[in-house]
Amino acid sequence: MSLEENKAIIRRYTEACNKKYLALLDELVAPDYFHSAFPLRGREEYKQFETGLWKAFPDWHETIEDITAEGDKVWYRMKITATHRRITLVCPYWQDDNISSYWQEVYNDRC
């Protein structure tokens, strides 16, 4: 894929998140998706995470501020605006059908 095609995928991904369009995420997110900041494995876990995020932040909106591509990598800086409505970003770790621990993060610009 060309650099512009790779950047277009990120733009479509951002649009899917802004419109809460899970079907497009099926097309854009790999079945074996891995997230380095959250313990997410696979497309379905990622979609569950996004669904929970959208419930917690119903007016979630991402705006790409900068985007660049090189080789098979795309970097982008985005601005996120949202109003917090629920507890969010709780990610349990499972071991032998039990929650072994969980990670929670709340970002607040007033801190």
C-alpha atoms as a PDB file:
ATOM      1  CA  MET A   1       0.000   0.000   0.000  1.00  0.00           C
ATOM      2  CA  SER A   2       1.112   3.536  -0.630  1.00  0.00           C
ATOM      3  CA  LEU A   3       1.753   6.015   2.169  1.00  0.00           C
ATOM      4  CA  GLU A   4      -1.418   7.895   1.248  1.00  0.00           C
ATOM      5  CA  GLU A   5      -3.471   4.681   1.319  1.00  0.00           C
ATOM      6  CA  ASN A   6      -2.112   3.882   4.789  1.00  0.00           C
ATOM      7  CA  LYS A   7      -3.030   7.365   6.031  1.00  0.00           C
ATOM      8  CA  ALA A   8      -6.486   6.978   4.485  1.00  0.00           C
ATOM      9  CA  ILE A   9      -7.017   3.861   6.608  1.00  0.00           C
ATOM     10  CA  ILE A  10      -6.295   5.871   9.758  1.00  0.00           C
ATOM     11  CA  ARG A  11      -8.717   8.577   8.623  1.00  0.00           C
ATOM     12  CA  ARG A  12     -11.423   5.945   8.015  1.00  0.00           C
ATOM     13  CA  TYR A  13     -10.664   4.399  11.412  1.00  0.00           C
ATOM     14  CA  THR A  14     -11.076   7.793  13.095  1.00  0.00           C
ATOM     15  CA  GLU A  15     -14.341   8.329  11.223  1.00  0.00           C
ATOM     16  CA  ALA A  16     -15.587   4.901  12.357  1.00  0.00           C
ATOM     17  CA  CYS A  17     -14.810   5.779  15.986  1.00  0.00           C
ATOM     18  CA  ASN A  18     -16.492   9.173  15.694  1.00  0.00           C
ATOM     19  CA  LYS A  19     -19.617   7.632  14.165  1.00  0.00           C
ATOM     20  CA  LYS A  20     -19.501   4.587  16.487  1.00  0.00           C
ATOM     21  CA  TYR A  21     -19.587   2.365  13.417  1.00  0.00           C
ATOM     22  CA  LEU A  22     -18.551  -1.109  14.569  1.00  0.00           C
ATOM     23  CA  ALA A  23     -19.021  -2.696  11.140  1.00  0.00           C
ATOM     24  CA  LEU A  24     -16.247  -0.540   9.699  1.00  0.00           C
ATOM     25  CA  LEU A  25     -13.957  -1.598  12.547  1.00  0.00           C
ATOM     26  CA  ASP A  26     -14.497  -5.195  11.345  1.00  0.00           C
ATOM     27  CA  GLU A  27     -12.960  -4.118   8.066  1.00  0.00           C
ATOM     28  CA  LEU A  28     -10.137  -1.991   9.481  1.00  0.00           C
ATOM     29  CA  VAL A  29      -8.982  -3.867  12.607  1.00  0.00           C
ATOM     30  CA  ALA A  30      -7.071  -7.133  12.227  1.00  0.00           C
ATOM     31  CA  PRO A  31      -8.542 -10.302  13.774  1.00  0.00           C
ATOM     32  CA  ASP A  32      -5.382 -10.727  15.910  1.00  0.00           C
ATOM     33  CA  TYR A  33      -5.301  -7.059  17.000  1.00  0.00           C
ATOM     34  CA  PHE A  34      -3.001  -6.192  19.929  1.00  0.00           C
ATOM     35  CA  HIS A  35      -3.072  -2.959  21.931  1.00  0.00           C
ATOM     36  CA  SER A  36       0.137  -2.067  23.775  1.00  0.00           C
ATOM     37  CA  ALA A  37      -1.499   0.238  26.345  1.00  0.00           C
ATOM     38  CA  PHE A  38      -4.513  -1.926  27.235  1.00  0.00           C
ATOM     39  CA  PRO A  39      -4.729  -5.703  27.663  1.00  0.00           C
ATOM     40  CA  LEU A  40      -6.743  -6.213  24.504  1.00  0.00           C
ATOM     41  CA  ARG A  41      -6.303  -9.219  22.263  1.00  0.00           C
ATOM     42  CA  GLY A  42      -8.203  -9.562  19.038  1.00  0.00           C
ATOM     43  CA  ARG A  43     -10.796  -7.585  17.133  1.00  0.00           C
ATOM     44  CA  GLU A  44     -13.754  -8.619  19.308  1.00  0.00           C
ATOM     45  CA  GLU A  45     -12.098  -7.506  22.570  1.00  0.00           C
ATOM     46  CA  TYR A  46     -11.194  -4.229  20.900  1.00  0.00           C
ATOM     47  CA  LYS A  47     -14.786  -3.672  19.758  1.00  0.00           C
ATOM     48  CA  GLN A  48     -16.066  -4.426  23.281  1.00  0.00           C
ATOM     49  CA  PHE A  49     -13.576  -1.885  24.632  1.00  0.00           C
ATOM     50  CA  GLU A  50     -14.679   0.775  22.138  1.00  0.00           C
ATOM     51  CA  THR A  51     -18.356   0.105  22.900  1.00  0.00           C
ATOM     52  CA  GLY A  52     -17.696   0.608  26.625  1.00  0.00           C
ATOM     53  CA  LEU A  53     -15.723   3.759  25.894  1.00  0.00           C
ATOM     54  CA  TRP A  54     -18.573   5.177  23.805  1.00  0.00           C
ATOM     55  CA  LYS A  55     -21.054   4.449  26.605  1.00  0.00           C
ATOM     56  CA  ALA A  56     -18.837   6.245  29.097  1.00  0.00           C
ATOM     57  CA  PHE A  57     -18.195   9.141  26.688  1.00  0.00           C
ATOM     58  CA  PRO A  58     -21.297   9.370  24.457  1.00  0.00           C
ATOM     59  CA  ASP A  59     -20.068  12.485  22.655  1.00  0.00           C
ATOM     60  CA  TRP A  60     -16.567  11.078  22.007  1.00  0.00           C
ATOM     61  CA  HIS A  61     -14.923  12.804  19.047  1.00  0.00           C
ATOM     62  CA  GLU A  62     -11.438  12.424  17.621  1.00  0.00           C
ATOM     63  CA  THR A  63      -9.777  15.001  15.387  1.00  0.00           C
ATOM     64  CA  ILE A  64      -6.527  14.181  13.617  1.00  0.00           C
ATOM     65  CA  GLU A  65      -4.162  17.094  14.194  1.00  0.00           C
ATOM     66  CA  ASP A  66      -1.071  15.674  12.423  1.00  0.00           C
ATOM     67  CA  ILE A  67      -0.496  12.536  10.390  1.00  0.00           C
ATOM     68  CA  THR A  68       2.643  11.176   8.754  1.00  0.00           C
ATOM     69  CA  ALA A  69       3.606   7.868   7.196  1.00  0.00           C
ATOM     70  CA  GLU A  70       6.829   6.088   6.405  1.00  0.00           C
ATOM     71  CA  GLY A  71       7.159   2.550   5.082  1.00  0.00           C
ATOM     72  CA  ASP A  72       4.384   0.469   6.642  1.00  0.00           C
ATOM     73  CA  LYS A  73       3.932   2.755   9.682  1.00  0.00           C
ATOM     74  CA  VAL A  74       1.602   5.681  10.296  1.00  0.00           C
ATOM     75  CA  TRP A  75       1.925   8.091  13.196  1.00  0.00           C
ATOM     76  CA  TYR A  76      -0.784  10.504  14.101  1.00  0.00           C
ATOM     77  CA  ARG A  77      -1.553  12.998  16.819  1.00  0.00           C
ATOM     78  CA  MET A  78      -5.159  13.482  17.680  1.00  0.00           C
ATOM     79  CA  LYS A  79      -7.299  15.681  19.829  1.00  0.00           C
ATOM     80  CA  ILE A  80     -10.086  13.932  21.716  1.00  0.00           C
ATOM     81  CA  THR A  81     -13.067  15.749  23.152  1.00  0.00           C
ATOM     82  CA  ALA A  82     -15.621  13.951  25.295  1.00  0.00           C
ATOM     83  CA  THR A  83     -17.901  14.291  28.294  1.00  0.00           C
ATOM     84  CA  HIS A  84     -17.478  11.586  30.917  1.00  0.00           C
ATOM     85  CA  ARG A  85     -20.794   9.917  31.811  1.00  0.00           C
ATOM     86  CA  ARG A  86     -19.746   6.633  33.453  1.00  0.00           C
ATOM     87  CA  ILE A  87     -16.834   4.773  34.993  1.00  0.00           C
ATOM     88  CA  THR A  88     -14.547   3.786  32.186  1.00  0.00           C
ATOM     89  CA  LEU A  89     -11.366   2.097  31.067  1.00  0.00           C
ATOM     90  CA  VAL A  90     -11.482  -0.868  33.420  1.00  0.00           C
ATOM     91  CA  CYS A  91      -9.526  -3.725  31.899  1.00  0.00           C
ATOM     92  CA  PRO A  92      -9.487  -7.022  33.807  1.00  0.00           C
ATOM     93  CA  TYR A  93      -6.754  -9.618  33.471  1.00  0.00           C
ATOM     94  CA  TRP A  94      -8.034 -13.200  33.438  1.00  0.00           C
ATOM     95  CA  GLN A  95      -6.313 -16.280  34.751  1.00  0.00           C
ATOM     96  CA  ASP A  96      -7.969 -19.718  34.998  1.00  0.00           C
ATOM     97  CA  ASP A  97     -11.464 -18.225  34.508  1.00  0.00           C
ATOM     98  CA  ASN A  98     -10.907 -15.706  37.323  1.00  0.00           C
ATOM     99  CA  ILE A  99     -10.050 -12.053  37.336  1.00  0.00           C
ATOM    100  CA  SER A 100      -6.471 -11.958  38.554  1.00  0.00           C
ATOM    101  CA  SER A 101      -6.118  -8.179  38.511  1.00  0.00           C
ATOM    102  CA  TYR A 102      -7.396  -5.155  36.662  1.00  0.00           C
ATOM    103  CA  TRP A 103      -6.082  -1.922  35.309  1.00  0.00           C
ATOM    104  CA  GLN A 104      -8.029   1.293  35.393  1.00  0.00           C
ATOM    105  CA  GLU A 105      -7.121   4.704  34.059  1.00  0.00           C
ATOM    106  CA  VAL A 106      -9.063   7.935  34.273  1.00  0.00           C
ATOM    107  CA  TYR A 107      -7.752  10.980  32.493  1.00  0.00           C
ATOM    108  CA  ASN A 108      -8.856  14.375  33.722  1.00  0.00           C
ATOM    109  CA  ASP A 109      -7.331  17.626  32.480  1.00  0.00           C
ATOM    110  CA  ARG A 110      -8.060  19.273  35.831  1.00  0.00           C
ATOM    111  CA  CYS A 111      -5.545  17.080  37.679  1.00  0.00           C
END
